[in-house]
C-alpha atoms as a PDB file:
ATOM      1  CA  MET A   1       0.048  -0.016  -0.026  1.00  0.00           C
ATOM      2  CA  VAL A   2       1.278   3.419  -0.968  1.00  0.00           C
ATOM      3  CA  ASP A   3       2.022   5.881   1.934  1.00  0.00           C
ATOM      4  CA  THR A   4       0.366   8.791   0.417  1.00  0.00           C
ATOM      5  CA  THR A   5       1.751  11.312   2.880  1.00  0.00           C
ATOM      6  CA  LYS A   6       5.382  10.512   2.036  1.00  0.00           C
ATOM      7  CA  GLU A   7       4.456  10.162  -1.695  1.00  0.00           C
ATOM      8  CA  ARG A   8       2.701  13.547  -1.742  1.00  0.00           C
ATOM      9  CA  LEU A   9       5.776  15.183  -0.187  1.00  0.00           C
ATOM     10  CA  ARG A  10       8.123  13.459  -2.742  1.00  0.00           C
ATOM     11  CA  TYR A  11       6.084  14.818  -5.616  1.00  0.00           C
ATOM     12  CA  GLU A  12       5.668  18.242  -4.160  1.00  0.00           C
ATOM     13  CA  HIS A  13       9.419  18.370  -3.678  1.00  0.00           C
ATOM     14  CA  SER A  14      10.019  17.450  -7.287  1.00  0.00           C
ATOM     15  CA  PHE A  15       7.615  20.083  -8.507  1.00  0.00           C
ATOM     16  CA  PHE A  16       7.987  23.118  -6.411  1.00  0.00           C
ATOM     17  CA  ASN A  17      11.106  25.390  -6.241  1.00  0.00           C
ATOM     18  CA  CYS A  18      12.787  25.499  -2.802  1.00  0.00           C
ATOM     19  CA  ARG A  19      10.785  28.441  -1.546  1.00  0.00           C
ATOM     20  CA  ASN A  20       7.438  27.132  -2.524  1.00  0.00           C
ATOM     21  CA  ILE A  21       7.902  23.652  -0.915  1.00  0.00           C
ATOM     22  CA  GLN A  22       8.856  25.444   2.319  1.00  0.00           C
ATOM     23  CA  LEU A  23       5.765  27.620   2.043  1.00  0.00           C
ATOM     24  CA  SER A  24       3.515  24.623   1.465  1.00  0.00           C
ATOM     25  CA  LEU A  25       5.036  22.659   4.281  1.00  0.00           C
ATOM     26  CA  ALA A  26       4.507  25.515   6.702  1.00  0.00           C
ATOM     27  CA  LEU A  27       0.814  25.683   5.695  1.00  0.00           C
ATOM     28  CA  GLN A  28       0.450  22.019   6.036  1.00  0.00           C
ATOM     29  CA  ASP A  29       2.024  21.980   9.473  1.00  0.00           C
ATOM     30  CA  TRP A  30      -0.550  24.608  10.612  1.00  0.00           C
ATOM     31  CA  GLY A  31      -3.477  22.603   9.086  1.00  0.00           C
ATOM     32  CA  ILE A  32      -4.363  25.278   6.513  1.00  0.00           C
ATOM     33  CA  PRO A  33      -5.628  23.846   3.153  1.00  0.00           C
ATOM     34  CA  VAL A  34      -2.871  24.715   0.925  1.00  0.00           C
ATOM     35  CA  GLU A  35      -3.934  22.221  -1.678  1.00  0.00           C
ATOM     36  CA  LEU A  36      -6.779  24.667  -2.669  1.00  0.00           C
ATOM     37  CA  LEU A  37      -3.915  26.838  -4.033  1.00  0.00           C
ATOM     38  CA  TYR A  38      -2.941  24.009  -6.328  1.00  0.00           C
ATOM     39  CA  TYR A  39      -5.629  24.998  -8.759  1.00  0.00           C
ATOM     40  CA  ASN A  40      -3.099  25.971 -11.376  1.00  0.00           C
ATOM     41  CA  ALA A  41      -0.533  23.208 -10.857  1.00  0.00           C
ATOM     42  CA  TRP A  42      -1.325  21.515 -14.143  1.00  0.00           C
ATOM     43  CA  GLU A  43       1.653  22.266 -16.359  1.00  0.00           C
ATOM     44  CA  SER A  44       1.500  22.127 -20.134  1.00  0.00           C
ATOM     45  CA  THR A  45       4.039  19.671 -21.752  1.00  0.00           C
ATOM     46  CA  SER A  46       4.356  22.295 -24.568  1.00  0.00           C
ATOM     47  CA  ASP A  47       5.684  24.813 -22.078  1.00  0.00           C
ATOM     48  CA  ILE A  48       8.012  22.203 -20.526  1.00  0.00           C
ATOM     49  CA  TYR A  49       9.301  21.265 -23.947  1.00  0.00           C
ATOM     50  CA  GLU A  50       9.935  24.956 -24.850  1.00  0.00           C
ATOM     51  CA  HIS A  51      11.830  25.595 -21.617  1.00  0.00           C
ATOM     52  CA  LEU A  52      14.029  22.459 -21.511  1.00  0.00           C
ATOM     53  CA  TYR A  53      14.440  21.459 -25.168  1.00  0.00           C
ATOM     54  CA  VAL A  54      14.122  24.669 -27.156  1.00  0.00           C
ATOM     55  CA  LYS A  55      15.596  27.346 -24.869  1.00  0.00           C
ATOM     56  CA  LYS A  56      17.708  24.712 -23.064  1.00  0.00           C
ATOM     57  CA  SER A  57      17.121  26.718 -19.783  1.00  0.00           C
ATOM     58  CA  LYS A  58      18.193  25.121 -16.474  1.00  0.00           C
ATOM     59  CA  PRO A  59      15.457  23.157 -14.850  1.00  0.00           C
ATOM     60  CA  TRP A  60      15.573  25.239 -11.631  1.00  0.00           C
ATOM     61  CA  PHE A  61      14.646  28.259 -13.678  1.00  0.00           C
ATOM     62  CA  TYR A  62      11.277  26.774 -14.669  1.00  0.00           C
ATOM     63  CA  ALA A  63       8.714  29.041 -12.998  1.00  0.00           C
ATOM     64  CA  SER A  64       5.234  27.467 -12.343  1.00  0.00           C
ATOM     65  CA  PRO A  65       2.417  29.924 -11.642  1.00  0.00           C
ATOM     66  CA  CYS A  66       1.272  27.587  -8.766  1.00  0.00           C
ATOM     67  CA  LEU A  67       1.565  28.920  -5.240  1.00  0.00           C
ATOM     68  CA  GLU A  68       2.240  32.502  -6.041  1.00  0.00           C
ATOM     69  CA  PRO A  69       2.254  34.521  -2.881  1.00  0.00           C
ATOM     70  CA  ALA A  70      -0.620  36.727  -4.009  1.00  0.00           C
ATOM     71  CA  ASP A  71      -2.828  33.603  -4.030  1.00  0.00           C
ATOM     72  CA  LEU A  72      -2.492  33.290  -0.227  1.00  0.00           C
ATOM     73  CA  GLU A  73      -5.309  35.799   0.169  1.00  0.00           C
ATOM     74  CA  LEU A  74      -7.650  33.206  -1.307  1.00  0.00           C
ATOM     75  CA  ILE A  75      -7.247  31.204   1.915  1.00  0.00           C
ATOM     76  CA  GLU A  76      -6.932  34.191   4.226  1.00  0.00           C
ATOM     77  CA  VAL A  77      -3.188  33.738   5.197  1.00  0.00           C
ATOM     78  CA  PRO A  78      -1.495  36.874   5.987  1.00  0.00           C
ATOM     79  CA  PHE A  79       2.084  37.470   4.753  1.00  0.00           C
ATOM     80  CA  GLU A  80       4.478  40.285   4.243  1.00  0.00           C
ATOM     81  CA  ARG A  81       7.860  41.128   2.819  1.00  0.00           C
ATOM     82  CA  VAL A  82      10.289  43.118   4.876  1.00  0.00           C
ATOM     83  CA  PRO A  83      13.284  44.543   3.127  1.00  0.00           C
ATOM     84  CA  TYR A  84      16.667  44.780   4.649  1.00  0.00           C
ATOM     85  CA  THR A  85      20.174  45.986   3.701  1.00  0.00           C
ATOM     86  CA  CYS A  86      22.114  43.976   6.351  1.00  0.00           C
ATOM     87  CA  TYR A  87      21.484  41.336   8.981  1.00  0.00           C
ATOM     88  CA  ASP A  88      21.105  43.976  11.861  1.00  0.00           C
ATOM     89  CA  ASP A  89      18.157  45.359  10.084  1.00  0.00           C
ATOM     90  CA  ILE A  90      16.098  42.134  10.358  1.00  0.00           C
ATOM     91  CA  ALA A  91      17.824  40.397  13.285  1.00  0.00           C
ATOM     92  CA  PRO A  92      14.977  41.409  15.800  1.00  0.00           C
ATOM     93  CA  LEU A  93      12.371  40.072  13.316  1.00  0.00           C
ATOM     94  CA  LEU A  94      14.224  36.828  12.686  1.00  0.00           C
ATOM     95  CA  LYS A  95      14.329  36.245  16.443  1.00  0.00           C
ATOM     96  CA  GLU A  96      10.566  36.276  16.694  1.00  0.00           C
ATOM     97  CA  ALA A  97      10.200  33.400  14.345  1.00  0.00           C
ATOM     98  CA  ASP A  98       8.090  30.668  15.832  1.00  0.00           C
ATOM     99  CA  SER A  99       7.132  27.417  13.969  1.00  0.00           C
ATOM    100  CA  ALA A 100       3.695  27.538  15.477  1.00  0.00           C
ATOM    101  CA  THR A 101       2.713  31.022  14.575  1.00  0.00           C
ATOM    102  CA  ARG A 102       5.202  32.713  12.182  1.00  0.00           C
ATOM    103  CA  ALA A 103       7.438  31.294   9.554  1.00  0.00           C
ATOM    104  CA  ILE A 104      10.303  33.358   7.964  1.00  0.00           C
ATOM    105  CA  PHE A 105      12.111  32.724   4.792  1.00  0.00           C
ATOM    106  CA  LEU A 106      15.189  34.233   3.361  1.00  0.00           C
ATOM    107  CA  TRP A 107      17.016  33.985   0.057  1.00  0.00           C
ATOM    108  CA  VAL A 108      20.758  33.052   0.311  1.00  0.00           C
ATOM    109  CA  ILE A 109      23.362  31.851  -2.035  1.00  0.00           C
ATOM    110  CA  CYS A 110      23.400  28.006  -2.493  1.00  0.00           C
ATOM    111  CA  GLY A 111      27.207  27.603  -2.103  1.00  0.00           C
ATOM    112  CA  GLU A 112      27.073  29.459   1.248  1.00  0.00           C
ATOM    113  CA  VAL A 113      24.629  27.021   2.975  1.00  0.00           C
ATOM    114  CA  PRO A 114      26.754  25.633   5.864  1.00  0.00           C
ATOM    115  CA  TYR A 115      24.899  22.223   6.038  1.00  0.00           C
ATOM    116  CA  ALA A 116      25.295  21.344   2.393  1.00  0.00           C
ATOM    117  CA  ARG A 117      28.281  20.797   0.119  1.00  0.00           C
ATOM    118  CA  PRO A 118      28.270  23.278  -2.802  1.00  0.00           C
ATOM    119  CA  GLU A 119      28.065  20.361  -5.264  1.00  0.00           C
ATOM    120  CA  LYS A 120      24.760  19.409  -3.763  1.00  0.00           C
ATOM    121  CA  PHE A 121      23.197  22.219  -5.881  1.00  0.00           C
ATOM    122  CA  GLY A 122      22.993  22.495  -9.672  1.00  0.00           C
ATOM    123  CA  SER A 123      24.586  25.955  -9.403  1.00  0.00           C
ATOM    124  CA  PRO A 124      26.377  27.035  -6.124  1.00  0.00           C
ATOM    125  CA  GLU A 125      26.068  30.603  -7.350  1.00  0.00           C
ATOM    126  CA  ALA A 126      22.259  30.445  -7.473  1.00  0.00           C
ATOM    127  CA  GLU A 127      19.875  31.743  -4.889  1.00  0.00           C
ATOM    128  CA  HIS A 128      18.293  29.314  -2.427  1.00  0.00           C
ATOM    129  CA  SER A 129      15.550  29.669   0.220  1.00  0.00           C
ATOM    130  CA  ILE A 130      16.015  28.819   3.952  1.00  0.00           C
ATOM    131  CA  TRP A 131      13.228  28.530   6.413  1.00  0.00           C
ATOM    132  CA  ILE A 132      13.867  30.162   9.775  1.00  0.00           C
ATOM    133  CA  ARG A 133      11.606  28.433  12.297  1.00  0.00           C
ATOM    134  CA  GLY A 134      12.910  29.827  15.606  1.00  0.00           C
ATOM    135  CA  TRP A 135      15.653  31.332  17.674  1.00  0.00           C
ATOM    136  CA  ALA A 136      17.761  29.424  20.319  1.00  0.00           C
ATOM    137  CA  ALA A 137      18.379  32.191  22.751  1.00  0.00           C
ATOM    138  CA  GLU A 138      20.423  29.893  25.182  1.00  0.00           C
ATOM    139  CA  GLU A 139      22.808  27.196  24.470  1.00  0.00           C
ATOM    140  CA  ARG A 140      21.650  23.866  25.825  1.00  0.00           C
ATOM    141  CA  PRO A 141      23.053  20.338  25.618  1.00  0.00           C
ATOM    142  CA  GLY A 142      22.682  19.243  21.984  1.00  0.00           C
ATOM    143  CA  VAL A 143      21.337  22.610  21.002  1.00  0.00           C
ATOM    144  CA  SER A 144      23.851  25.391  19.916  1.00  0.00           C
ATOM    145  CA  LEU A 145      23.153  29.038  19.958  1.00  0.00           C
ATOM    146  CA  GLY A 146      21.638  30.114  16.711  1.00  0.00           C
ATOM    147  CA  TYR A 147      18.458  29.794  14.548  1.00  0.00           C
ATOM    148  CA  TYR A 148      16.393  26.635  14.021  1.00  0.00           C
ATOM    149  CA  VAL A 149      16.401  26.086  10.319  1.00  0.00           C
ATOM    150  CA  ARG A 150      14.409  23.666   8.031  1.00  0.00           C
ATOM    151  CA  ASP A 151      15.380  22.872   4.473  1.00  0.00           C
ATOM    152  CA  MET A 152      14.100  20.274   1.977  1.00  0.00           C
ATOM    153  CA  TYR A 153      16.958  20.365  -0.485  1.00  0.00           C
ATOM    154  CA  PRO A 154      19.154  19.310   1.053  1.00  0.00           C
ATOM    155  CA  GLU A 155      16.981  17.774   3.840  1.00  0.00           C
ATOM    156  CA  TYR A 156      18.019  19.470   7.013  1.00  0.00           C
ATOM    157  CA  GLU A 157      16.365  20.410  10.305  1.00  0.00           C
ATOM    158  CA  GLY A 158      18.766  21.910  12.945  1.00  0.00           C
ATOM    159  CA  THR A 159      20.521  24.944  14.140  1.00  0.00           C
ATOM    160  CA  VAL A 160      22.589  27.472  12.151  1.00  0.00           C
ATOM    161  CA  SER A 161      24.808  29.922  13.952  1.00  0.00           C
ATOM    162  CA  GLU A 162      23.933  33.693  13.955  1.00  0.00           C
ATOM    163  CA  GLU A 163      27.338  34.358  12.342  1.00  0.00           C
ATOM    164  CA  ASP A 164      26.407  32.010   9.414  1.00  0.00           C
ATOM    165  CA  ILE A 165      22.992  33.709   9.068  1.00  0.00           C
ATOM    166  CA  ARG A 166      24.625  37.154   9.106  1.00  0.00           C
ATOM    167  CA  ARG A 167      27.079  35.943   6.434  1.00  0.00           C
ATOM    168  CA  MET A 168      24.369  34.643   4.299  1.00  0.00           C
ATOM    169  CA  CYS A 169      22.049  37.568   4.611  1.00  0.00           C
ATOM    170  CA  GLU A 170      24.802  39.958   3.578  1.00  0.00           C
ATOM    171  CA  ASP A 171      26.113  37.993   0.659  1.00  0.00           C
ATOM    172  CA  PRO A 172      26.545  40.589  -2.111  1.00  0.00           C
ATOM    173  CA  ARG A 173      25.392  38.086  -4.762  1.00  0.00           C
ATOM    174  CA  ILE A 174      21.848  38.175  -3.510  1.00  0.00           C
ATOM    175  CA  ARG A 175      19.789  40.136  -5.902  1.00  0.00           C
ATOM    176  CA  GLU A 176      18.503  43.495  -4.676  1.00  0.00           C
ATOM    177  CA  GLU A 177      14.925  42.641  -5.103  1.00  0.00           C
ATOM    178  CA  ASP A 178      15.399  39.384  -3.060  1.00  0.00           C
ATOM    179  CA  ARG A 179      16.744  41.222  -0.103  1.00  0.00           C
ATOM    180  CA  LYS A 180      13.427  40.820   1.698  1.00  0.00           C
ATOM    181  CA  ALA A 181      12.354  38.528   4.583  1.00  0.00           C
ATOM    182  CA  PHE A 182       9.167  36.721   3.513  1.00  0.00           C
ATOM    183  CA  ILE A 183       6.974  36.187   6.609  1.00  0.00           C
ATOM    184  CA  LEU A 184       4.110  33.818   6.691  1.00  0.00           C
ATOM    185  CA  ARG A 185       1.687  34.097   9.695  1.00  0.00           C
ATOM    186  CA  ASN A 186      -0.525  31.363  11.082  1.00  0.00           C
ATOM    187  CA  ARG A 187      -4.164  32.247  11.300  1.00  0.00           C
ATOM    188  CA  GLU A 188      -5.342  32.589  14.998  1.00  0.00           C
ATOM    189  CA  GLN A 189      -8.621  31.211  14.097  1.00  0.00           C
ATOM    190  CA  PRO A 190     -10.485  29.640  11.120  1.00  0.00           C
ATOM    191  CA  GLU A 191     -10.955  32.140   8.402  1.00  0.00           C
ATOM    192  CA  THR A 192     -12.903  32.211   5.161  1.00  0.00           C
ATOM    193  CA  VAL A 193     -11.802  30.234   2.018  1.00  0.00           C
ATOM    194  CA  ASP A 194     -12.919  32.062  -1.150  1.00  0.00           C
ATOM    195  CA  VAL A 195     -13.860  28.975  -3.029  1.00  0.00           C
ATOM    196  CA  GLU A 196     -15.705  30.880  -5.723  1.00  0.00           C
ATOM    197  CA  ARG A 197     -12.654  32.893  -6.657  1.00  0.00           C
ATOM    198  CA  ILE A 198     -10.560  29.773  -6.586  1.00  0.00           C
ATOM    199  CA  MET A 199     -12.796  27.963  -8.939  1.00  0.00           C
ATOM    200  CA  GLU A 200     -13.019  31.086 -11.256  1.00  0.00           C
ATOM    201  CA  ARG A 201      -9.265  31.164 -11.343  1.00  0.00           C
ATOM    202  CA  TYR A 202      -9.133  27.375 -12.021  1.00  0.00           C
ATOM    203  CA  THR A 203     -11.739  27.762 -14.846  1.00  0.00           C
ATOM    204  CA  ASP A 204      -9.839  30.765 -16.410  1.00  0.00           C
ATOM    205  CA  ARG A 205      -6.472  28.868 -16.245  1.00  0.00           C
ATOM    206  CA  MET A 206      -7.872  25.682 -17.963  1.00  0.00           C
ATOM    207  CA  ARG A 207      -9.589  27.733 -20.599  1.00  0.00           C
ATOM    208  CA  VAL A 208      -6.369  29.270 -21.925  1.00  0.00           C
ATOM    209  CA  LEU A 209      -4.039  26.380 -21.266  1.00  0.00           C
ATOM    210  CA  GLU A 210      -2.776  24.937 -24.519  1.00  0.00           C
ATOM    211  CA  ASP A 211      -1.268  21.460 -24.692  1.00  0.00           C
ATOM    212  CA  ASP A 212      -1.815  19.186 -27.714  1.00  0.00           C
ATOM    213  CA  LEU A 213       0.224  16.499 -25.881  1.00  0.00           C
ATOM    214  CA  SER A 214       2.586  16.099 -28.997  1.00  0.00           C
ATOM    215  CA  PHE A 215       5.429  16.180 -26.491  1.00  0.00           C
ATOM    216  CA  TYR A 216       4.947  12.398 -25.975  1.00  0.00           C
ATOM    217  CA  ASP A 217       5.066  11.798 -29.828  1.00  0.00           C
ATOM    218  CA  THR A 218       8.345  13.790 -29.945  1.00  0.00           C
ATOM    219  CA  VAL A 219       9.928  11.685 -27.126  1.00  0.00           C
ATOM    220  CA  CYS A 220       8.816   8.524 -29.025  1.00  0.00           C
ATOM    221  CA  THR A 221      10.530   9.918 -32.152  1.00  0.00           C
ATOM    222  CA  PHE A 222      13.738  10.513 -30.381  1.00  0.00           C
ATOM    223  CA  ALA A 223      13.607   7.022 -28.923  1.00  0.00           C
ATOM    224  CA  ALA A 224      12.882   5.426 -32.388  1.00  0.00           C
ATOM    225  CA  SER A 225      15.657   7.206 -34.228  1.00  0.00           C
ATOM    226  CA  GLY A 226      18.257   6.969 -31.591  1.00  0.00           C
ATOM    227  CA  ASP A 227      19.135  10.455 -32.353  1.00  0.00           C
ATOM    228  CA  ALA A 228      20.173  13.152 -29.659  1.00  0.00           C
ATOM    229  CA  GLY A 229      17.760  15.753 -31.264  1.00  0.00           C
ATOM    230  CA  PRO A 230      18.724  19.245 -30.229  1.00  0.00           C
ATOM    231  CA  PHE A 231      21.486  18.015 -27.877  1.00  0.00           C
ATOM    232  CA  ALA A 232      25.154  17.223 -28.249  1.00  0.00           C
ATOM    233  CA  ASP A 233      24.782  13.636 -27.221  1.00  0.00           C
ATOM    234  CA  LEU A 234      22.231  11.038 -25.857  1.00  0.00           C
ATOM    235  CA  THR A 235      23.443  11.648 -22.305  1.00  0.00           C
ATOM    236  CA  GLU A 236      22.208  15.291 -22.393  1.00  0.00           C
ATOM    237  CA  LEU A 237      18.998  14.179 -24.075  1.00  0.00           C
ATOM    238  CA  TYR A 238      18.319  11.562 -21.513  1.00  0.00           C
ATOM    239  CA  ASP A 239      19.006  14.053 -18.666  1.00  0.00           C
ATOM    240  CA  CYS A 240      16.536  16.647 -20.296  1.00  0.00           C
ATOM    241  CA  HIS A 241      13.912  13.731 -20.577  1.00  0.00           C
ATOM    242  CA  ALA A 242      14.376  12.959 -17.009  1.00  0.00           C
ATOM    243  CA  HIS A 243      13.743  16.529 -15.866  1.00  0.00           C
ATOM    244  CA  ALA A 244      10.767  16.777 -18.194  1.00  0.00           C
ATOM    245  CA  PHE A 245       9.058  13.761 -16.676  1.00  0.00           C
ATOM    246  CA  LYS A 246       9.935  14.821 -13.301  1.00  0.00           C
ATOM    247  CA  PHE A 247       8.006  18.120 -13.851  1.00  0.00           C
ATOM    248  CA  ILE A 248       5.136  16.203 -15.456  1.00  0.00           C
ATOM    249  CA  ALA A 249       4.917  13.747 -12.542  1.00  0.00           C
ATOM    250  CA  GLY A 250       5.108  16.425  -9.888  1.00  0.00           C
ATOM    251  CA  SER A 251       2.655  18.655 -11.702  1.00  0.00           C
ATOM    252  CA  ARG A 252       0.014  15.785 -12.104  1.00  0.00           C
ATOM    253  CA  TYR A 253       0.289  14.609  -8.487  1.00  0.00           C
ATOM    254  CA  VAL A 254       0.167  18.156  -6.965  1.00  0.00           C
ATOM    255  CA  PHE A 255      -2.839  18.931  -9.161  1.00  0.00           C
ATOM    256  CA  SER A 256      -4.459  15.830  -7.941  1.00  0.00           C
ATOM    257  CA  CYS A 257      -4.263  17.212  -4.540  1.00  0.00           C
ATOM    258  CA  PHE A 258      -6.461  20.058  -5.599  1.00  0.00           C
ATOM    259  CA  VAL A 259      -8.954  17.854  -7.496  1.00  0.00           C
ATOM    260  CA  GLU A 260      -9.325  15.705  -4.377  1.00  0.00           C
ATOM    261  CA  ALA A 261      -9.873  18.767  -2.150  1.00  0.00           C
ATOM    262  CA  VAL A 262     -12.586  20.021  -4.360  1.00  0.00           C
ATOM    263  CA  GLU A 263     -14.307  16.792  -5.541  1.00  0.00           C
ATOM    264  CA  GLY A 264     -13.270  14.295  -2.882  1.00  0.00           C
ATOM    265  CA  ILE A 265     -11.462  11.033  -3.586  1.00  0.00           C
ATOM    266  CA  GLY A 266     -12.676   9.810  -6.857  1.00  0.00           C
ATOM    267  CA  GLU A 267     -11.748   8.479 -10.255  1.00  0.00           C
ATOM    268  CA  ARG A 268     -10.283  11.804 -11.585  1.00  0.00           C
ATOM    269  CA  ALA A 269      -7.824  12.145  -8.628  1.00  0.00           C
ATOM    270  CA  HIS A 270      -6.849   8.533  -9.002  1.00  0.00           C
ATOM    271  CA  LEU A 271      -6.289   8.945 -12.846  1.00  0.00           C
ATOM    272  CA  LEU A 272      -4.021  11.998 -12.163  1.00  0.00           C
ATOM    273  CA  ARG A 273      -2.038  10.060  -9.551  1.00  0.00           C
ATOM    274  CA  ASP A 274      -1.665   7.141 -12.075  1.00  0.00           C
ATOM    275  CA  ILE A 275      -0.283   9.643 -14.643  1.00  0.00           C
ATOM    276  CA  ALA A 276       2.110  10.904 -12.022  1.00  0.00           C
ATOM    277  CA  ARG A 277       3.358   7.549 -10.934  1.00  0.00           C
ATOM    278  CA  LYS A 278       3.818   6.384 -14.652  1.00  0.00           C
ATOM    279  CA  ALA A 279       5.687   9.687 -15.546  1.00  0.00           C
ATOM    280  CA  ASP A 280       7.797   9.231 -12.478  1.00  0.00           C
ATOM    281  CA  ALA A 281       8.654   5.684 -13.689  1.00  0.00           C
ATOM    282  CA  LEU A 282       9.668   7.052 -17.135  1.00  0.00           C
ATOM    283  CA  LYS A 283      11.845   9.711 -15.387  1.00  0.00           C
ATOM    284  CA  ASN A 284      13.668   6.835 -13.586  1.00  0.00           C
ATOM    285  CA  VAL A 285      14.249   4.973 -16.913  1.00  0.00           C
ATOM    286  CA  PHE A 286      16.010   8.070 -18.242  1.00  0.00           C
ATOM    287  CA  LEU A 287      17.982   8.708 -15.018  1.00  0.00           C
ATOM    288  CA  MET A 288      19.326   5.164 -15.392  1.00  0.00           C
ATOM    289  CA  ALA A 289      19.979   5.798 -19.058  1.00  0.00           C
ATOM    290  CA  VAL A 290      22.049   8.876 -18.020  1.00  0.00           C
ATOM    291  CA  HIS A 291      24.334   6.565 -16.005  1.00  0.00           C
ATOM    292  CA  SER A 292      24.435   3.625 -18.329  1.00  0.00           C
ATOM    293  CA  GLY A 293      24.447   5.479 -21.642  1.00  0.00           C
ATOM    294  CA  ARG A 294      21.777   3.212 -22.855  1.00  0.00           C
ATOM    295  CA  ALA A 295      17.973   3.115 -23.124  1.00  0.00           C
ATOM    296  CA  ASP A 296      15.594   0.474 -24.171  1.00  0.00           C
ATOM    297  CA  ALA A 297      13.736   2.291 -27.155  1.00  0.00           C
ATOM    298  CA  LYS A 298      10.822  -0.076 -27.332  1.00  0.00           C
ATOM    299  CA  ALA A 299      10.088   0.247 -23.536  1.00  0.00           C
ATOM    300  CA  ILE A 300      10.305   4.017 -23.757  1.00  0.00           C
ATOM    301  CA  ILE A 301       7.997   4.088 -26.635  1.00  0.00           C
ATOM    302  CA  ARG A 302       5.463   1.729 -24.890  1.00  0.00           C
ATOM    303  CA  MET A 303       5.520   3.576 -21.654  1.00  0.00           C
ATOM    304  CA  CYS A 304       5.385   7.055 -23.229  1.00  0.00           C
ATOM    305  CA  SER A 305       2.467   6.074 -25.525  1.00  0.00           C
ATOM    306  CA  GLY A 306       0.609   4.690 -22.504  1.00  0.00           C
ATOM    307  CA  LEU A 307       1.206   7.873 -20.589  1.00  0.00           C
ATOM    308  CA  GLN A 308      -0.087   9.996 -23.550  1.00  0.00           C
ATOM    309  CA  LYS A 309      -3.343   7.878 -23.506  1.00  0.00           C
ATOM    310  CA  LEU A 310      -3.796   8.605 -19.900  1.00  0.00           C
ATOM    311  CA  GLU A 311      -3.330  12.375 -20.485  1.00  0.00           C
ATOM    312  CA  TYR A 312      -5.896  12.295 -23.260  1.00  0.00           C
ATOM    313  CA  GLN A 313      -8.183  10.391 -20.873  1.00  0.00           C
ATOM    314  CA  TRP A 314      -7.863  13.228 -18.381  1.00  0.00           C
ATOM    315  CA  LYS A 315      -8.673  15.792 -20.955  1.00  0.00           C
ATOM    316  CA  ASN A 316     -11.644  13.917 -22.180  1.00  0.00           C
ATOM    317  CA  SER A 317     -13.004  13.619 -18.628  1.00  0.00           C
ATOM    318  CA  GLY A 318     -14.059  17.230 -18.614  1.00  0.00           C
ATOM    319  CA  HIS A 319     -10.777  18.496 -17.088  1.00  0.00           C
ATOM    320  CA  ASN A 320     -11.849  22.161 -17.316  1.00  0.00           C
ATOM    321  CA  ARG A 321     -14.759  21.639 -14.890  1.00  0.00           C
ATOM    322  CA  LEU A 322     -14.872  20.072 -11.425  1.00  0.00           C
ATOM    323  CA  ASN A 323     -17.826  19.299  -9.226  1.00  0.00           C
ATOM    324  CA  CYS A 324     -17.152  21.372  -6.099  1.00  0.00           C
ATOM    325  CA  HIS A 325     -18.198  19.417  -2.907  1.00  0.00           C
ATOM    326  CA  LEU A 326     -18.485  22.031  -0.123  1.00  0.00           C
ATOM    327  CA  PRO A 327     -18.770  19.372   2.702  1.00  0.00           C
ATOM    328  CA  ASN A 328     -15.312  17.963   1.774  1.00  0.00           C
ATOM    329  CA  LEU A 329     -13.766  21.376   1.978  1.00  0.00           C
ATOM    330  CA  LEU A 330     -15.378  21.915   5.360  1.00  0.00           C
ATOM    331  CA  THR A 331     -13.312  18.959   6.689  1.00  0.00           C
ATOM    332  CA  SER A 332     -10.216  21.130   6.457  1.00  0.00           C
ATOM    333  CA  GLY A 333     -11.413  23.136   9.312  1.00  0.00           C
ATOM    334  CA  SER A 334     -12.059  26.148   7.192  1.00  0.00           C
ATOM    335  CA  ILE A 335     -15.086  28.330   6.859  1.00  0.00           C
ATOM    336  CA  ILE A 336     -16.303  28.436   3.404  1.00  0.00           C
ATOM    337  CA  ASN A 337     -17.186  31.861   1.945  1.00  0.00           C
END
């Protein structure tokens, strides 16, 4: 039997960037129905192809519209951005962080994260988000003076010294527009969830989303020809395929959480998770091919064609309209507006 809690986290982690997975986990920890903000998690395979294969952009630069901070108003979660020029500007604020009531997030430079080796990241020069969960005001056995930090890539939950936080905050490579502490506040009592606006945004998103699913035909063509396509060699192609199917898998699973929240557990949520798991399996095939230099073309074509059929099945299920079940939303502890 699949452990859906661990499975969900794995797919969320593969889909969201470092900041959004942290925001999502904070909301989940507080029992706030963040899955209602996954209304636009369905990603077009055409957009994924354009980013990875045509523009050859780095995977971590792929920007999904899902979980934009402005959407937090839809579930009545207060947040703010506090600009700073140096650590001392925000030190009093950081020391007020409390995992139960207030989460604070900072942008730092990947290569400066003290609990991770620089090679852990695709680019040590890129920005990375860290989650400040609290302040250890007194040194105790097993707990050093500093900040409680949680991260998901790499996985880490522990303390980081004040000196390290100061150094990371003041790194000159952090972009000026990112020198802001992002603060997420827990709601003191259940607030309204604007279901009507969420569903309107979902409908608007699905109405304009273009995806003829020809991406799957392209992958099959690459496999049949044995050609590296737009890349220098097959290893680069396989690596690109792996990232593409990782995004597809994460997108479909995360979106299934929205569908389940709105419609309840049903055939369509199960279909989306089936798509996600099969896309994840194909991702693993390409990851192995990256290391071995070989891939079974017939297996890839079979798996890819099967996945495409499931995607068409989802589109033919009336994907642009959902049956909103208010009782199911009420189980989240929210008041429906």
